[in-house]
Amino acid sequence: MRLKSALWVAAYLRRCQVEGAFGVVRRRGAEDAGAVFVRIYRLDGTSDLYGPAPQSALDTSRGADRSFTASFVQQPAPDAAVEAYLAREVKFDPDVWIVEVEQPEGRNYLDIVG
């Protein structure tokens, strides 16, 4: 059974808070099964962006029901490129979630949340 997107996002933001990072939901998607994109603001004009991994790349050995992959080959990417990418994703699928975390070192905390 897959964890609902809204619950996963709430847990992820809580984990970021525990780690001392500030995170917000920039765009709320479908409560049950919206795709989640995580943007890590480095506060220097660049960001890392992570999106849903393809089904073939899911790591079921950890028990995680969500896996993420880098959305850009070379990260961090310029903020303008990240914005353009997210705009295309929203246009393609209006049910996506966008979560943004301020983290100058680029730590994404995705390895902690299952």
C-alpha atoms as a PDB file:
ATOM      1  CA  MET A   1       0.000   0.000   0.000  1.00  0.00           C
ATOM      2  CA  ARG A   2       1.424   3.340  -1.052  1.00  0.00           C
ATOM      3  CA  LEU A   3       1.593   6.219   1.401  1.00  0.00           C
ATOM      4  CA  LYS A   4      -0.571   9.171   0.362  1.00  0.00           C
ATOM      5  CA  SER A   5       1.348  12.117  -1.069  1.00  0.00           C
ATOM      6  CA  ALA A   6      -0.017  14.566   1.506  1.00  0.00           C
ATOM      7  CA  LEU A   7       1.149  12.372   4.381  1.00  0.00           C
ATOM      8  CA  TRP A   8       4.573  11.765   2.816  1.00  0.00           C
ATOM      9  CA  VAL A   9       5.086  15.505   2.281  1.00  0.00           C
ATOM     10  CA  ALA A  10       4.084  16.275   5.882  1.00  0.00           C
ATOM     11  CA  ALA A  11       6.564  13.674   7.176  1.00  0.00           C
ATOM     12  CA  TYR A  12       9.313  14.973   4.897  1.00  0.00           C
ATOM     13  CA  LEU A  13       8.817  18.573   6.022  1.00  0.00           C
ATOM     14  CA  ARG A  14       8.860  17.439   9.636  1.00  0.00           C
ATOM     15  CA  ARG A  15      12.149  15.604   9.031  1.00  0.00           C
ATOM     16  CA  CYS A  16      13.632  18.738   7.462  1.00  0.00           C
ATOM     17  CA  GLN A  17      12.506  20.761  10.478  1.00  0.00           C
ATOM     18  CA  VAL A  18      14.118  18.267  12.867  1.00  0.00           C
ATOM     19  CA  GLU A  19      17.360  18.587  10.887  1.00  0.00           C
ATOM     20  CA  GLY A  20      17.213  22.393  11.177  1.00  0.00           C
ATOM     21  CA  ALA A  21      16.225  23.133   7.574  1.00  0.00           C
ATOM     22  CA  PHE A  22      13.359  25.375   6.532  1.00  0.00           C
ATOM     23  CA  GLY A  23      10.937  23.748   4.093  1.00  0.00           C
ATOM     24  CA  VAL A  24       7.578  24.683   2.597  1.00  0.00           C
ATOM     25  CA  VAL A  25       4.958  23.323   0.255  1.00  0.00           C
ATOM     26  CA  ARG A  26       5.081  25.614  -2.746  1.00  0.00           C
ATOM     27  CA  ARG A  27       2.418  23.747  -4.687  1.00  0.00           C
ATOM     28  CA  ARG A  28      -0.121  21.345  -3.271  1.00  0.00           C
ATOM     29  CA  GLY A  29      -1.008  18.517  -5.616  1.00  0.00           C
ATOM     30  CA  ALA A  30      -3.381  15.576  -5.466  1.00  0.00           C
ATOM     31  CA  GLU A  31      -3.762  14.382  -1.867  1.00  0.00           C
ATOM     32  CA  ASP A  32      -3.599  10.688  -2.673  1.00  0.00           C
ATOM     33  CA  ALA A  33      -1.189  10.107  -5.515  1.00  0.00           C
ATOM     34  CA  GLY A  34       0.301  13.344  -6.827  1.00  0.00           C
ATOM     35  CA  ALA A  35       3.933  13.188  -7.933  1.00  0.00           C
ATOM     36  CA  VAL A  36       6.311  14.991  -5.563  1.00  0.00           C
ATOM     37  CA  PHE A  37       9.224  17.189  -6.649  1.00  0.00           C
ATOM     38  CA  VAL A  38      11.734  18.336  -4.027  1.00  0.00           C
ATOM     39  CA  ARG A  39      13.740  21.478  -4.690  1.00  0.00           C
ATOM     40  CA  ILE A  40      16.783  22.157  -2.534  1.00  0.00           C
ATOM     41  CA  TYR A  41      17.570  25.888  -2.552  1.00  0.00           C
ATOM     42  CA  ARG A  42      21.284  26.456  -2.061  1.00  0.00           C
ATOM     43  CA  LEU A  43      20.707  30.214  -1.581  1.00  0.00           C
ATOM     44  CA  ASP A  44      23.392  31.090  -4.137  1.00  0.00           C
ATOM     45  CA  GLY A  45      21.289  31.215  -7.311  1.00  0.00           C
ATOM     46  CA  THR A  46      21.309  27.451  -7.786  1.00  0.00           C
ATOM     47  CA  SER A  47      19.110  24.555  -6.699  1.00  0.00           C
ATOM     48  CA  ASP A  48      19.039  20.784  -6.754  1.00  0.00           C
ATOM     49  CA  LEU A  49      15.833  19.207  -8.024  1.00  0.00           C
ATOM     50  CA  TYR A  50      14.620  15.677  -7.332  1.00  0.00           C
ATOM     51  CA  GLY A  51      11.603  14.034  -8.879  1.00  0.00           C
ATOM     52  CA  PRO A  52       9.953  10.629  -8.843  1.00  0.00           C
ATOM     53  CA  ALA A  53      12.237   7.811  -9.920  1.00  0.00           C
ATOM     54  CA  PRO A  54      11.009   5.515 -12.683  1.00  0.00           C
ATOM     55  CA  GLN A  55       9.133   2.436 -11.443  1.00  0.00           C
ATOM     56  CA  SER A  56      12.043   0.247 -12.564  1.00  0.00           C
ATOM     57  CA  ALA A  57      14.367   2.118 -10.184  1.00  0.00           C
ATOM     58  CA  LEU A  58      12.313   1.671  -6.997  1.00  0.00           C
ATOM     59  CA  ASP A  59      14.369   0.359  -4.105  1.00  0.00           C
ATOM     60  CA  THR A  60      12.024  -2.073  -2.379  1.00  0.00           C
ATOM     61  CA  SER A  61      14.825  -3.522  -0.235  1.00  0.00           C
ATOM     62  CA  ARG A  62      14.557  -0.498   2.082  1.00  0.00           C
ATOM     63  CA  GLY A  63      10.808  -0.733   2.250  1.00  0.00           C
ATOM     64  CA  ALA A  64      10.477   2.774   0.847  1.00  0.00           C
ATOM     65  CA  ASP A  65       7.449   3.332  -1.303  1.00  0.00           C
ATOM     66  CA  ARG A  66       8.886   6.494  -2.899  1.00  0.00           C
ATOM     67  CA  SER A  67      12.230   6.859  -4.576  1.00  0.00           C
ATOM     68  CA  PHE A  68      13.678  10.004  -6.065  1.00  0.00           C
ATOM     69  CA  THR A  69      16.177  10.735  -8.767  1.00  0.00           C
ATOM     70  CA  ALA A  70      18.000  13.909  -9.757  1.00  0.00           C
ATOM     71  CA  SER A  71      16.044  15.844 -12.370  1.00  0.00           C
ATOM     72  CA  PHE A  72      19.195  17.373 -13.879  1.00  0.00           C
ATOM     73  CA  VAL A  73      22.345  15.551 -14.954  1.00  0.00           C
ATOM     74  CA  GLN A  74      24.520  18.228 -13.406  1.00  0.00           C
ATOM     75  CA  GLN A  75      23.367  19.523 -10.047  1.00  0.00           C
ATOM     76  CA  PRO A  76      23.124  22.149  -8.739  1.00  0.00           C
ATOM     77  CA  ALA A  77      21.389  23.827 -11.656  1.00  0.00           C
ATOM     78  CA  PRO A  78      20.652  27.532 -12.151  1.00  0.00           C
ATOM     79  CA  ASP A  79      17.401  28.596 -10.479  1.00  0.00           C
ATOM     80  CA  ALA A  80      15.996  29.765 -13.835  1.00  0.00           C
ATOM     81  CA  ALA A  81      16.457  26.285 -15.322  1.00  0.00           C
ATOM     82  CA  VAL A  82      14.785  24.691 -12.292  1.00  0.00           C
ATOM     83  CA  GLU A  83      11.835  27.097 -12.547  1.00  0.00           C
ATOM     84  CA  ALA A  84      11.400  26.309 -16.243  1.00  0.00           C
ATOM     85  CA  TYR A  85      11.529  22.564 -15.542  1.00  0.00           C
ATOM     86  CA  LEU A  86       8.899  22.833 -12.802  1.00  0.00           C
ATOM     87  CA  ALA A  87       6.647  24.987 -15.006  1.00  0.00           C
ATOM     88  CA  ARG A  88       6.724  22.249 -17.682  1.00  0.00           C
ATOM     89  CA  GLU A  89       5.921  19.585 -15.095  1.00  0.00           C
ATOM     90  CA  VAL A  90       2.936  21.545 -13.746  1.00  0.00           C
ATOM     91  CA  LYS A  91       1.669  22.112 -17.287  1.00  0.00           C
ATOM     92  CA  PHE A  92       2.010  18.376 -18.019  1.00  0.00           C
ATOM     93  CA  ASP A  93       0.519  17.193 -14.713  1.00  0.00           C
ATOM     94  CA  PRO A  94      -1.443  19.699 -12.591  1.00  0.00           C
ATOM     95  CA  ASP A  95      -1.542  17.212  -9.675  1.00  0.00           C
ATOM     96  CA  VAL A  96       2.183  17.529  -8.812  1.00  0.00           C
ATOM     97  CA  TRP A  97       3.483  18.650  -5.445  1.00  0.00           C
ATOM     98  CA  ILE A  98       6.454  21.012  -5.189  1.00  0.00           C
ATOM     99  CA  VAL A  99       8.323  21.067  -1.894  1.00  0.00           C
ATOM    100  CA  GLU A 100      11.127  23.570  -1.364  1.00  0.00           C
ATOM    101  CA  VAL A 101      13.847  23.339   1.263  1.00  0.00           C
ATOM    102  CA  GLU A 102      16.528  25.929   2.051  1.00  0.00           C
ATOM    103  CA  GLN A 103      19.772  24.022   2.459  1.00  0.00           C
ATOM    104  CA  PRO A 104      23.016  25.788   1.420  1.00  0.00           C
ATOM    105  CA  GLU A 105      25.039  22.552   1.624  1.00  0.00           C
ATOM    106  CA  GLY A 106      22.604  20.770  -0.687  1.00  0.00           C
ATOM    107  CA  ARG A 107      21.534  18.070   1.770  1.00  0.00           C
ATOM    108  CA  ASN A 108      18.156  16.709   0.625  1.00  0.00           C
ATOM    109  CA  TYR A 109      17.116  14.426   3.538  1.00  0.00           C
ATOM    110  CA  LEU A 110      15.453  12.055   1.059  1.00  0.00           C
ATOM    111  CA  ASP A 111      17.504   9.154   2.400  1.00  0.00           C
ATOM    112  CA  ILE A 112      15.903   9.596   5.835  1.00  0.00           C
ATOM    113  CA  VAL A 113      12.208   9.636   4.896  1.00  0.00           C
ATOM    114  CA  GLY A 114      10.757   6.329   3.707  1.00  0.00           C
END
